[in-house]
C-alpha atoms as a PDB file:
ATOM      1  CA  MET A   1       9.891   4.862   1.017  1.00  0.00           C
ATOM      2  CA  LYS A   2       7.649   6.541  -1.511  1.00  0.00           C
ATOM      3  CA  ARG A   3       8.602  10.149  -2.076  1.00  0.00           C
ATOM      4  CA  ASN A   4       5.420  11.151  -3.823  1.00  0.00           C
ATOM      5  CA  ILE A   5       3.049  10.469  -0.970  1.00  0.00           C
ATOM      6  CA  CYS A   6       0.054  12.336  -2.360  1.00  0.00           C
ATOM      7  CA  LEU A   7      -0.889   9.658  -4.895  1.00  0.00           C
ATOM      8  CA  ALA A   8       1.684   6.965  -4.284  1.00  0.00           C
ATOM      9  CA  LEU A   9       0.632   6.371  -0.682  1.00  0.00           C
ATOM     10  CA  LEU A  10      -3.034   6.353  -1.624  1.00  0.00           C
ATOM     11  CA  ILE A  11      -2.377   3.779  -4.324  1.00  0.00           C
ATOM     12  CA  SER A  12      -0.186   1.692  -2.040  1.00  0.00           C
ATOM     13  CA  MET A  13      -2.949   1.560   0.553  1.00  0.00           C
ATOM     14  CA  MET A  14      -5.335   0.093  -1.956  1.00  0.00           C
ATOM     15  CA  ALA A  15      -2.727  -2.300  -3.353  1.00  0.00           C
ATOM     16  CA  PHE A  16      -2.744  -5.921  -2.326  1.00  0.00           C
ATOM     17  CA  GLY A  17      -1.809  -6.629   1.302  1.00  0.00           C
ATOM     18  CA  LEU A  18      -3.081  -8.660   4.206  1.00  0.00           C
ATOM     19  CA  HIS A  19      -4.479  -5.603   5.947  1.00  0.00           C
ATOM     20  CA  ALA A  20      -5.431  -3.582   2.857  1.00  0.00           C
ATOM     21  CA  GLN A  21      -9.025  -2.557   2.304  1.00  0.00           C
ATOM     22  CA  ILE A  22     -10.528  -4.641  -0.473  1.00  0.00           C
ATOM     23  CA  ASN A  23     -11.839  -1.967  -2.803  1.00  0.00           C
ATOM     24  CA  TYR A  24     -10.817   0.093  -5.775  1.00  0.00           C
ATOM     25  CA  SER A  25      -9.983   3.777  -6.014  1.00  0.00           C
ATOM     26  CA  TYR A  26      -9.335   5.777  -2.847  1.00  0.00           C
ATOM     27  CA  THR A  27     -11.890   4.122  -0.586  1.00  0.00           C
ATOM     28  CA  THR A  28      -9.273   3.200   2.013  1.00  0.00           C
ATOM     29  CA  TYR A  29      -8.196   6.796   2.387  1.00  0.00           C
ATOM     30  CA  GLN A  30     -11.718   8.185   2.195  1.00  0.00           C
ATOM     31  CA  ASN A  31     -13.178   5.976   4.892  1.00  0.00           C
ATOM     32  CA  ASN A  32     -10.242   6.471   7.231  1.00  0.00           C
ATOM     33  CA  GLY A  33      -9.223   9.932   6.120  1.00  0.00           C
ATOM     34  CA  SER A  34     -10.153  11.935   9.213  1.00  0.00           C
ATOM     35  CA  ARG A  35      -6.518  11.600  10.224  1.00  0.00           C
ATOM     36  CA  ARG A  36      -3.562  11.189   7.903  1.00  0.00           C
ATOM     37  CA  TYR A  37      -1.089   8.483   8.884  1.00  0.00           C
ATOM     38  CA  LEU A  38       1.817   6.708   7.327  1.00  0.00           C
ATOM     39  CA  SER A  39       1.441   3.022   7.963  1.00  0.00           C
ATOM     40  CA  LYS A  40       3.875   0.949   9.955  1.00  0.00           C
ATOM     41  CA  PRO A  41       6.572  -0.781   7.897  1.00  0.00           C
ATOM     42  CA  GLU A  42       4.878  -3.247   5.565  1.00  0.00           C
ATOM     43  CA  SER A  43       7.347  -6.015   6.331  1.00  0.00           C
ATOM     44  CA  ILE A  44       6.230  -5.862   9.970  1.00  0.00           C
ATOM     45  CA  ASN A  45       2.645  -4.641   9.766  1.00  0.00           C
ATOM     46  CA  LYS A  46       1.782  -7.288   7.178  1.00  0.00           C
ATOM     47  CA  TYR A  47       2.385 -10.291   9.389  1.00  0.00           C
ATOM     48  CA  ARG A  48       1.643  -9.271  12.975  1.00  0.00           C
ATOM     49  CA  LYS A  49       0.150  -6.478  15.029  1.00  0.00           C
ATOM     50  CA  PHE A  50       1.223  -4.733  18.197  1.00  0.00           C
ATOM     51  CA  ASN A  51      -2.135  -5.505  19.809  1.00  0.00           C
ATOM     52  CA  ASP A  52      -0.855  -7.142  22.965  1.00  0.00           C
ATOM     53  CA  VAL A  53       2.613  -5.619  23.235  1.00  0.00           C
ATOM     54  CA  ARG A  54       3.418  -1.918  23.088  1.00  0.00           C
ATOM     55  CA  VAL A  55       6.588  -1.863  21.029  1.00  0.00           C
ATOM     56  CA  LYS A  56       9.069   0.970  21.293  1.00  0.00           C
ATOM     57  CA  GLU A  57      11.642  -0.034  18.710  1.00  0.00           C
ATOM     58  CA  VAL A  58      12.125  -2.722  16.049  1.00  0.00           C
ATOM     59  CA  THR A  59      15.390  -3.635  14.344  1.00  0.00           C
ATOM     60  CA  GLN A  60      15.183  -5.572  11.103  1.00  0.00           C
ATOM     61  CA  THR A  61      18.414  -7.158   9.896  1.00  0.00           C
ATOM     62  CA  TYR A  62      18.780  -8.477   6.362  1.00  0.00           C
ATOM     63  CA  PHE A  63      21.268 -11.301   5.926  1.00  0.00           C
ATOM     64  CA  ARG A  64      23.115 -12.275   2.765  1.00  0.00           C
ATOM     65  CA  LYS A  65      25.135 -15.473   2.820  1.00  0.00           C
ATOM     66  CA  GLU A  66      24.538 -15.643   6.575  1.00  0.00           C
ATOM     67  CA  LYS A  67      26.177 -12.242   7.158  1.00  0.00           C
ATOM     68  CA  PRO A  68      24.338  -8.997   8.012  1.00  0.00           C
ATOM     69  CA  SER A  69      24.187  -6.770   4.933  1.00  0.00           C
ATOM     70  CA  PHE A  70      21.404  -4.273   5.621  1.00  0.00           C
ATOM     71  CA  ILE A  71      19.747  -2.962   8.793  1.00  0.00           C
ATOM     72  CA  ILE A  72      16.523  -0.991   9.240  1.00  0.00           C
ATOM     73  CA  ASN A  73      15.515   0.459  12.588  1.00  0.00           C
ATOM     74  CA  TYR A  74      11.942   1.603  13.343  1.00  0.00           C
ATOM     75  CA  LYS A  75      10.948   3.696  16.361  1.00  0.00           C
ATOM     76  CA  TYR A  76       7.358   4.034  17.650  1.00  0.00           C
ATOM     77  CA  ASN A  77       5.714   6.552  19.937  1.00  0.00           C
ATOM     78  CA  LEU A  78       3.306   5.708  22.759  1.00  0.00           C
ATOM     79  CA  SER A  79       0.419   5.632  20.264  1.00  0.00           C
ATOM     80  CA  SER A  80       2.273   2.964  18.230  1.00  0.00           C
ATOM     81  CA  ARG A  81       2.806   5.473  15.413  1.00  0.00           C
ATOM     82  CA  ILE A  82       6.147   5.262  13.704  1.00  0.00           C
ATOM     83  CA  TYR A  83       8.193   8.447  14.138  1.00  0.00           C
ATOM     84  CA  GLU A  84      11.616   7.457  12.797  1.00  0.00           C
ATOM     85  CA  ILE A  85      13.036   5.007  10.269  1.00  0.00           C
ATOM     86  CA  ASP A  86      16.773   4.628   9.775  1.00  0.00           C
ATOM     87  CA  SER A  87      18.338   2.271   7.245  1.00  0.00           C
ATOM     88  CA  LYS A  88      21.917   1.572   6.295  1.00  0.00           C
ATOM     89  CA  ASP A  89      24.068  -1.052   4.651  1.00  0.00           C
ATOM     90  CA  MET A  90      27.476  -2.157   5.782  1.00  0.00           C
ATOM     91  CA  LYS A  91      29.022   0.808   3.922  1.00  0.00           C
ATOM     92  CA  ASN A  92      26.797   3.178   5.927  1.00  0.00           C
ATOM     93  CA  LYS A  93      24.738   4.148   2.886  1.00  0.00           C
ATOM     94  CA  GLY A  94      21.025   4.386   3.395  1.00  0.00           C
ATOM     95  CA  SER A  95      18.330   6.833   4.454  1.00  0.00           C
ATOM     96  CA  SER A  96      16.533   8.318   7.439  1.00  0.00           C
ATOM     97  CA  THR A  97      12.890   9.321   7.756  1.00  0.00           C
ATOM     98  CA  PHE A  98      11.340  11.404  10.530  1.00  0.00           C
ATOM     99  CA  PHE A  99       7.638  11.966  11.232  1.00  0.00           C
ATOM    100  CA  ASN A 100       6.110  14.654  13.428  1.00  0.00           C
ATOM    101  CA  TYR A 101       2.566  14.286  14.814  1.00  0.00           C
ATOM    102  CA  GLN A 102       0.104  16.385  16.751  1.00  0.00           C
ATOM    103  CA  ASN A 103      -2.568  14.333  18.515  1.00  0.00           C
ATOM    104  CA  ASP A 104      -1.634  11.415  16.234  1.00  0.00           C
ATOM    105  CA  THR A 105      -2.193  13.511  13.107  1.00  0.00           C
ATOM    106  CA  LEU A 106       0.800  13.595  10.760  1.00  0.00           C
ATOM    107  CA  LEU A 107       2.084  17.144  10.229  1.00  0.00           C
ATOM    108  CA  LEU A 108       5.585  16.720   8.886  1.00  0.00           C
ATOM    109  CA  ALA A 109       7.718  14.062   7.186  1.00  0.00           C
ATOM    110  CA  ILE A 110      11.418  14.464   6.409  1.00  0.00           C
ATOM    111  CA  PHE A 111      13.327  12.016   4.178  1.00  0.00           C
ATOM    112  CA  GLN A 112      17.125  12.080   4.053  1.00  0.00           C
ATOM    113  CA  THR A 113      19.140   9.850   1.726  1.00  0.00           C
ATOM    114  CA  ARG A 114      22.795   8.959   1.950  1.00  0.00           C
ATOM    115  CA  LYS A 115      23.353   7.357  -1.446  1.00  0.00           C
ATOM    116  CA  GLY A 116      25.650   9.252  -3.738  1.00  0.00           C
ATOM    117  CA  LYS A 117      24.585  12.898  -3.496  1.00  0.00           C
ATOM    118  CA  ASP A 118      22.802  13.491  -0.194  1.00  0.00           C
ATOM    119  CA  THR A 119      19.271  14.824  -0.587  1.00  0.00           C
ATOM    120  CA  THR A 120      16.552  15.943   1.799  1.00  0.00           C
ATOM    121  CA  THR A 121      12.829  15.798   1.031  1.00  0.00           C
ATOM    122  CA  THR A 122      10.378  17.536   3.354  1.00  0.00           C
ATOM    123  CA  GLU A 123       6.612  17.057   3.240  1.00  0.00           C
ATOM    124  CA  LEU A 124       4.212  19.320   5.142  1.00  0.00           C
ATOM    125  CA  PHE A 125       0.565  18.392   5.736  1.00  0.00           C
ATOM    126  CA  SER A 126      -2.332  20.720   6.545  1.00  0.00           C
ATOM    127  CA  TYR A 127      -5.923  19.882   7.484  1.00  0.00           C
ATOM    128  CA  ASN A 128      -9.376  21.424   7.280  1.00  0.00           C
ATOM    129  CA  ASN A 129     -11.783  21.979  10.175  1.00  0.00           C
ATOM    130  CA  ASN A 130     -12.956  18.367   9.887  1.00  0.00           C
ATOM    131  CA  ASN A 131      -9.360  17.188  10.332  1.00  0.00           C
ATOM    132  CA  LYS A 132      -9.110  15.899   6.771  1.00  0.00           C
ATOM    133  CA  CYS A 133      -5.917  16.500   4.835  1.00  0.00           C
ATOM    134  CA  ASN A 134      -6.405  19.362   2.375  1.00  0.00           C
ATOM    135  CA  GLU A 135      -2.843  20.134   1.294  1.00  0.00           C
ATOM    136  CA  GLU A 136       0.555  18.452   1.052  1.00  0.00           C
ATOM    137  CA  LEU A 137       3.625  20.443   0.180  1.00  0.00           C
ATOM    138  CA  GLU A 138       6.809  18.649  -0.918  1.00  0.00           C
ATOM    139  CA  LEU A 139      10.204  20.353  -0.863  1.00  0.00           C
ATOM    140  CA  ARG A 140      13.423  18.833  -2.188  1.00  0.00           C
ATOM    141  CA  ASP A 141      16.579  20.385  -0.797  1.00  0.00           C
ATOM    142  CA  GLY A 142      14.489  23.387   0.194  1.00  0.00           C
ATOM    143  CA  LYS A 143      12.942  23.954  -3.255  1.00  0.00           C
ATOM    144  CA  LEU A 144       9.286  23.384  -4.145  1.00  0.00           C
ATOM    145  CA  PHE A 145       8.855  20.136  -6.064  1.00  0.00           C
ATOM    146  CA  HIS A 146       5.250  19.043  -5.614  1.00  0.00           C
ATOM    147  CA  LEU A 147       2.001  20.482  -4.293  1.00  0.00           C
ATOM    148  CA  CYS A 148      -1.070  18.321  -3.715  1.00  0.00           C
ATOM    149  CA  LYS A 149      -4.519  19.715  -2.830  1.00  0.00           C
ATOM    150  CA  TYR A 150      -7.656  17.841  -1.768  1.00  0.00           C
ATOM    151  CA  GLU A 151     -11.276  18.910  -1.989  1.00  0.00           C
ATOM    152  CA  TRP A 152     -13.814  17.011   0.105  1.00  0.00           C
ATOM    153  CA  ALA A 153     -17.511  16.434  -0.610  1.00  0.00           C
ATOM    154  CA  GLU A 154     -20.274  16.840   1.968  1.00  0.00           C
ATOM    155  CA  ASN A 155     -20.488  13.050   2.325  1.00  0.00           C
ATOM    156  CA  GLY A 156     -16.946  13.022   3.714  1.00  0.00           C
ATOM    157  CA  LEU A 157     -15.321  11.536   0.611  1.00  0.00           C
ATOM    158  CA  VAL A 158     -12.614  13.123  -1.476  1.00  0.00           C
ATOM    159  CA  LYS A 159     -14.057  15.013  -4.430  1.00  0.00           C
ATOM    160  CA  ARG A 160     -10.977  16.324  -6.215  1.00  0.00           C
ATOM    161  CA  ILE A 161      -7.203  15.849  -6.028  1.00  0.00           C
ATOM    162  CA  GLU A 162      -4.916  18.321  -7.762  1.00  0.00           C
ATOM    163  CA  ASN A 163      -1.185  17.707  -8.232  1.00  0.00           C
ATOM    164  CA  THR A 164       1.276  20.333  -9.417  1.00  0.00           C
ATOM    165  CA  TYR A 165       4.903  19.435 -10.188  1.00  0.00           C
ATOM    166  CA  THR A 166       7.832  21.759 -10.856  1.00  0.00           C
ATOM    167  CA  LYS A 167      10.624  19.353 -11.829  1.00  0.00           C
ATOM    168  CA  HIS A 168      12.031  19.995 -15.346  1.00  0.00           C
ATOM    169  CA  ARG A 169       8.822  21.719 -16.418  1.00  0.00           C
ATOM    170  CA  LYS A 170       5.677  22.567 -14.550  1.00  0.00           C
ATOM    171  CA  TRP A 171       2.729  20.279 -15.171  1.00  0.00           C
ATOM    172  CA  ASN A 172      -0.571  19.678 -13.494  1.00  0.00           C
ATOM    173  CA  SER A 173      -2.848  16.676 -13.008  1.00  0.00           C
ATOM    174  CA  VAL A 174      -6.363  16.588 -11.571  1.00  0.00           C
ATOM    175  CA  THR A 175      -8.450  13.606 -10.492  1.00  0.00           C
ATOM    176  CA  GLU A 176     -12.186  14.045  -9.969  1.00  0.00           C
ATOM    177  CA  PHE A 177     -14.538  11.570  -8.269  1.00  0.00           C
ATOM    178  CA  GLU A 178     -18.244  10.777  -8.240  1.00  0.00           C
ATOM    179  CA  TYR A 179     -19.987   8.344  -5.880  1.00  0.00           C
ATOM    180  CA  TYR A 180     -23.044   6.170  -5.568  1.00  0.00           C
ATOM    181  CA  ASP A 181     -25.479   6.679  -2.681  1.00  0.00           C
ATOM    182  CA  ASP A 182     -23.698   3.973  -0.673  1.00  0.00           C
ATOM    183  CA  LYS A 183     -20.454   6.022  -0.917  1.00  0.00           C
ATOM    184  CA  THR A 184     -18.693   3.596  -3.242  1.00  0.00           C
ATOM    185  CA  THR A 185     -16.931   5.125  -6.227  1.00  0.00           C
ATOM    186  CA  LYS A 186     -19.042   5.663  -9.336  1.00  0.00           C
ATOM    187  CA  GLU A 187     -16.589   7.409 -11.656  1.00  0.00           C
ATOM    188  CA  GLU A 188     -13.028   8.691 -11.622  1.00  0.00           C
ATOM    189  CA  ARG A 189     -11.671  11.129 -14.221  1.00  0.00           C
ATOM    190  CA  VAL A 190      -7.979  11.931 -14.633  1.00  0.00           C
ATOM    191  CA  TYR A 191      -6.863  15.141 -16.360  1.00  0.00           C
ATOM    192  CA  LYS A 192      -3.393  16.328 -17.299  1.00  0.00           C
ATOM    193  CA  ASN A 193      -2.837  19.993 -18.085  1.00  0.00           C
ATOM    194  CA  GLY A 194      -6.601  20.343 -18.490  1.00  0.00           C
ATOM    195  CA  ASP A 195      -7.093  17.461 -20.956  1.00  0.00           C
ATOM    196  CA  LEU A 196      -8.969  14.288 -20.026  1.00  0.00           C
ATOM    197  CA  LYS A 197      -6.454  11.435 -20.053  1.00  0.00           C
ATOM    198  CA  HIS A 198      -8.459   8.567 -18.622  1.00  0.00           C
ATOM    199  CA  LYS A 199     -11.841   7.775 -17.140  1.00  0.00           C
ATOM    200  CA  TYR A 200     -12.669   4.882 -14.822  1.00  0.00           C
ATOM    201  CA  VAL A 201     -16.294   3.793 -14.544  1.00  0.00           C
ATOM    202  CA  TYR A 202     -17.088   1.635 -11.497  1.00  0.00           C
ATOM    203  CA  ALA A 203     -19.898  -0.671 -12.582  1.00  0.00           C
ATOM    204  CA  CYS A 204     -20.377  -4.263 -13.678  1.00  0.00           C
ATOM    205  CA  SER A 205     -21.784  -5.144 -17.099  1.00  0.00           C
ATOM    206  CA  PRO A 206     -24.628  -7.676 -17.334  1.00  0.00           C
ATOM    207  CA  VAL A 207     -23.416 -11.247 -17.760  1.00  0.00           C
ATOM    208  CA  GLY A 208     -22.556 -11.893 -21.390  1.00  0.00           C
ATOM    209  CA  GLU A 209     -22.494  -8.236 -22.359  1.00  0.00           C
ATOM    210  CA  LYS A 210     -19.224  -6.873 -23.705  1.00  0.00           C
ATOM    211  CA  ALA A 211     -18.275  -3.397 -22.516  1.00  0.00           C
ATOM    212  CA  GLN A 212     -18.011  -0.829 -25.302  1.00  0.00           C
ATOM    213  CA  LEU A 213     -15.248   1.552 -24.276  1.00  0.00           C
ATOM    214  CA  ASN A 214     -12.945   4.094 -25.850  1.00  0.00           C
ATOM    215  CA  LYS A 215      -9.201   3.623 -25.517  1.00  0.00           C
ATOM    216  CA  GLU A 216      -9.068   6.234 -22.740  1.00  0.00           C
ATOM    217  CA  GLU A 217     -11.792   4.491 -20.717  1.00  0.00           C
ATOM    218  CA  SER A 218     -11.725   1.657 -18.220  1.00  0.00           C
ATOM    219  CA  LYS A 219     -14.563  -0.164 -16.529  1.00  0.00           C
ATOM    220  CA  VAL A 220     -13.993  -1.491 -13.020  1.00  0.00           C
ATOM    221  CA  CYS A 221     -16.131  -4.263 -11.559  1.00  0.00           C
ATOM    222  CA  THR A 222     -15.940  -5.728  -8.052  1.00  0.00           C
ATOM    223  CA  ILE A 223     -17.839  -8.897  -7.162  1.00  0.00           C
ATOM    224  CA  LYS A 224     -18.006 -10.407  -3.686  1.00  0.00           C
ATOM    225  CA  ASN A 225     -19.268 -13.917  -2.981  1.00  0.00           C
ATOM    226  CA  LYS A 226     -19.717 -15.541   0.412  1.00  0.00           C
ATOM    227  CA  ASN A 227     -19.572 -19.291   0.992  1.00  0.00           C
ATOM    228  CA  ASP A 228     -21.709 -21.287   3.415  1.00  0.00           C
ATOM    229  CA  ASP A 229     -18.775 -21.843   5.797  1.00  0.00           C
ATOM    230  CA  GLY A 230     -18.225 -18.091   6.212  1.00  0.00           C
ATOM    231  CA  SER A 231     -15.281 -17.835   3.839  1.00  0.00           C
ATOM    232  CA  PHE A 232     -15.568 -15.420   0.937  1.00  0.00           C
ATOM    233  CA  TYR A 233     -13.798 -14.137  -2.162  1.00  0.00           C
ATOM    234  CA  TYR A 234     -13.564 -11.020  -4.301  1.00  0.00           C
ATOM    235  CA  ILE A 235     -13.282 -10.873  -8.080  1.00  0.00           C
ATOM    236  CA  PHE A 236     -11.817  -7.634  -9.453  1.00  0.00           C
ATOM    237  CA  GLU A 237     -12.098  -6.963 -13.170  1.00  0.00           C
ATOM    238  CA  THR A 238     -10.805  -3.931 -15.039  1.00  0.00           C
ATOM    239  CA  THR A 239     -11.722  -3.655 -18.726  1.00  0.00           C
ATOM    240  CA  GLU A 240      -9.321  -1.305 -20.508  1.00  0.00           C
ATOM    241  CA  GLY A 241     -10.653   0.088 -23.762  1.00  0.00           C
ATOM    242  CA  LYS A 242     -10.150  -2.489 -26.487  1.00  0.00           C
ATOM    243  CA  LYS A 243      -7.268  -4.279 -24.729  1.00  0.00           C
ATOM    244  CA  GLY A 244      -9.357  -6.710 -22.717  1.00  0.00           C
ATOM    245  CA  ILE A 245      -9.949  -7.594 -19.083  1.00  0.00           C
ATOM    246  CA  HIS A 246      -7.459  -7.575 -16.237  1.00  0.00           C
ATOM    247  CA  ARG A 247      -8.670  -9.877 -13.485  1.00  0.00           C
ATOM    248  CA  ASN A 248      -7.527 -10.831 -10.009  1.00  0.00           C
ATOM    249  CA  ILE A 249      -9.192 -12.957  -7.361  1.00  0.00           C
ATOM    250  CA  GLN A 250      -8.663 -12.742  -3.613  1.00  0.00           C
ATOM    251  CA  LYS A 251      -9.929 -15.502  -1.311  1.00  0.00           C
ATOM    252  CA  PHE A 252     -10.391 -15.296   2.470  1.00  0.00           C
ATOM    253  CA  ASN A 253     -11.198 -17.793   5.189  1.00  0.00           C
ATOM    254  CA  LYS A 254     -14.020 -17.322   7.706  1.00  0.00           C
ATOM    255  CA  ASP A 255     -11.672 -15.282   9.905  1.00  0.00           C
ATOM    256  CA  SER A 256     -11.181 -12.757   7.062  1.00  0.00           C
ATOM    257  CA  MET A 257      -7.578 -13.846   6.560  1.00  0.00           C
ATOM    258  CA  ILE A 258      -6.458 -14.009   2.952  1.00  0.00           C
ATOM    259  CA  THR A 259      -5.698 -17.517   1.706  1.00  0.00           C
ATOM    260  CA  SER A 260      -4.889 -16.888  -1.965  1.00  0.00           C
ATOM    261  CA  TYR A 261      -4.354 -14.112  -4.467  1.00  0.00           C
ATOM    262  CA  GLU A 262      -4.526 -14.801  -8.222  1.00  0.00           C
ATOM    263  CA  VAL A 263      -3.620 -12.485 -11.110  1.00  0.00           C
ATOM    264  CA  TYR A 264      -4.546 -13.234 -14.720  1.00  0.00           C
ATOM    265  CA  TYR A 265      -3.273 -12.121 -18.126  1.00  0.00           C
ATOM    266  CA  LEU A 266      -5.579 -10.393 -20.598  1.00  0.00           C
ATOM    267  CA  ASN A 267      -6.147 -13.809 -22.244  1.00  0.00           C
ATOM    268  CA  ASP A 268      -7.528 -15.075 -18.904  1.00  0.00           C
ATOM    269  CA  LYS A 269      -4.518 -17.311 -18.241  1.00  0.00           C
ATOM    270  CA  LEU A 270      -3.068 -17.354 -14.763  1.00  0.00           C
ATOM    271  CA  LYS A 271      -0.075 -15.021 -14.457  1.00  0.00           C
ATOM    272  CA  PHE A 272       0.899 -15.733 -10.862  1.00  0.00           C
ATOM    273  CA  LYS A 273      -0.638 -16.813  -7.589  1.00  0.00           C
ATOM    274  CA  TYR A 274       0.094 -16.464  -3.876  1.00  0.00           C
ATOM    275  CA  ASP A 275      -1.029 -19.071  -1.332  1.00  0.00           C
ATOM    276  CA  TYR A 276      -1.029 -18.296   2.402  1.00  0.00           C
ATOM    277  CA  TYR A 277      -0.912 -20.736   5.318  1.00  0.00           C
ATOM    278  CA  TYR A 278      -1.632 -20.050   8.985  1.00  0.00           C
ATOM    279  CA  GLU A 279      -1.165 -21.622  12.396  1.00  0.00           C
ATOM    280  CA  ASN A 280      -3.133 -20.192  15.320  1.00  0.00           C
ATOM    281  CA  LYS A 281      -4.160 -17.316  13.044  1.00  0.00           C
ATOM    282  CA  LYS A 282      -0.544 -16.354  12.357  1.00  0.00           C
ATOM    283  CA  LEU A 283       0.924 -16.424   8.871  1.00  0.00           C
ATOM    284  CA  VAL A 284       3.630 -19.096   8.695  1.00  0.00           C
ATOM    285  CA  GLN A 285       4.141 -19.589   4.955  1.00  0.00           C
ATOM    286  CA  GLU A 286       3.578 -17.658   1.721  1.00  0.00           C
ATOM    287  CA  ASP A 287       4.075 -19.467  -1.615  1.00  0.00           C
ATOM    288  CA  LEU A 288       4.401 -17.722  -4.958  1.00  0.00           C
ATOM    289  CA  TYR A 289       3.577 -19.686  -8.104  1.00  0.00           C
ATOM    290  CA  GLY A 290       4.015 -18.905 -11.769  1.00  0.00           C
ATOM    291  CA  ILE A 291       1.927 -20.488 -14.472  1.00  0.00           C
ATOM    292  CA  ARG A 292       3.334 -23.980 -13.969  1.00  0.00           C
ATOM    293  CA  LYS A 293       5.797 -23.972 -11.100  1.00  0.00           C
ATOM    294  CA  ARG A 294       6.516 -22.446  -7.721  1.00  0.00           C
ATOM    295  CA  PHE A 295       8.762 -19.383  -7.812  1.00  0.00           C
ATOM    296  CA  SER A 296       9.512 -18.987  -4.126  1.00  0.00           C
ATOM    297  CA  SER A 297       8.346 -19.758  -0.621  1.00  0.00           C
ATOM    298  CA  ALA A 298       8.506 -17.378   2.353  1.00  0.00           C
ATOM    299  CA  HIS A 299       8.490 -18.705   5.927  1.00  0.00           C
ATOM    300  CA  PHE A 300       7.732 -16.874   9.177  1.00  0.00           C
ATOM    301  CA  THR A 301       8.565 -17.787  12.757  1.00  0.00           C
ATOM    302  CA  TYR A 302       7.432 -16.107  15.981  1.00  0.00           C
ATOM    303  CA  GLY A 303       9.026 -15.717  19.369  1.00  0.00           C
ATOM    304  CA  ALA A 304       8.031 -14.218  22.695  1.00  0.00           C
ATOM    305  CA  ASP A 305       4.713 -12.354  22.834  1.00  0.00           C
ATOM    306  CA  ASN A 306       3.927 -13.836  19.403  1.00  0.00           C
ATOM    307  CA  LEU A 307       6.146 -11.231  17.740  1.00  0.00           C
ATOM    308  CA  LEU A 308       7.671 -12.040  14.389  1.00  0.00           C
ATOM    309  CA  SER A 309      11.255 -13.152  15.000  1.00  0.00           C
ATOM    310  CA  GLU A 310      12.401 -14.273  11.542  1.00  0.00           C
ATOM    311  CA  ASN A 311      11.248 -14.602   7.975  1.00  0.00           C
ATOM    312  CA  TYR A 312      13.211 -16.010   5.079  1.00  0.00           C
ATOM    313  CA  THR A 313      12.602 -16.779   1.420  1.00  0.00           C
ATOM    314  CA  ILE A 314      13.620 -19.873  -0.528  1.00  0.00           C
ATOM    315  CA  ASN A 315      13.732 -19.753  -4.332  1.00  0.00           C
ATOM    316  CA  LYS A 316      12.602 -22.468  -6.749  1.00  0.00           C
ATOM    317  CA  ARG A 317      16.068 -24.067  -6.602  1.00  0.00           C
ATOM    318  CA  GLY A 318      15.813 -24.451  -2.835  1.00  0.00           C
ATOM    319  CA  LYS A 319      18.336 -21.722  -1.994  1.00  0.00           C
ATOM    320  CA  LYS A 320      17.725 -19.087   0.636  1.00  0.00           C
ATOM    321  CA  THR A 321      17.548 -15.666  -1.027  1.00  0.00           C
ATOM    322  CA  ARG A 322      16.366 -13.447   1.819  1.00  0.00           C
ATOM    323  CA  ASP A 323      16.684 -13.768   5.556  1.00  0.00           C
ATOM    324  CA  TYR A 324      15.275 -11.193   7.990  1.00  0.00           C
ATOM    325  CA  LYS A 325      15.665 -11.313  11.758  1.00  0.00           C
ATOM    326  CA  TYR A 326      13.799  -8.981  14.132  1.00  0.00           C
ATOM    327  CA  THR A 327      14.701  -7.701  17.584  1.00  0.00           C
ATOM    328  CA  TYR A 328      12.366  -5.587  19.731  1.00  0.00           C
ATOM    329  CA  ALA A 329      12.505  -3.006  22.491  1.00  0.00           C
ATOM    330  CA  LYS A 330       9.256  -2.660  24.448  1.00  0.00           C
ATOM    331  CA  TYR A 331       7.767   0.030  26.628  1.00  0.00           C
ATOM    332  CA  GLU A 332       7.617  -0.962  30.271  1.00  0.00           C
END
């Protein structure tokens, strides 16, 4: 679980995932930011939804050499919001997380670890009159560690994010945003202790034109293409100063389900690739490839009510490296 929710959760929401919004910057949070939620566990939320079954509790068991080695238990409220996560290994080391909501709006999160020295992290969330998060306060063992403040523009998008940390020495970072008329991000500027550290410009250069950037600048370009059969793909390019272009490509079928994800080196050579396979619109296999060979293959099986019952991973030598089994308790 990410401790530093203020930026880490925002970044994780825009990171690659089957249900992630396909956009750069904080668009996912901005467009859905009227209420602040922590998502359901990625290992579950990524492969199936609780659309048809109202689930009360999920137990995920990790097997090593066919013996249980790690267990995670998730509990959901009547609104299908997760309110407790408890994890432990066979030596009873692990962590617990508790979430408190009011009308489905997250107000409080408490993280407790049981590895070595026990620690407790508490995060408190407050909201403005439009029910958008305007402050997050993080305490570690009762002492202030991190304060995050949001400022919102009239168009409903986040205008400014300020982070203040107190660990070791106090330091401050600020991120400012500008937008185009269609509410997509135009520019993002990151400051640390008042000095500009990096600027992201969201625009595409004309074909054949090389972006002229300083070392503290990046140019972000998103291209979407739709095929005649209804499938489509996104090309994301980030040009970093004089380093070159980072590129990844995400392809989707006509049902908006991702079929492949490709990441390239700066020299435009393929770094790795994921391929996804479905049956009856359910993910059944996920293959990871390196430049020349397959690294691993993940497989997913479903039981009653089309709920995920097991997923396991096989490495390039054909050996099982991960094996998860799921059990469910459902509301009557």
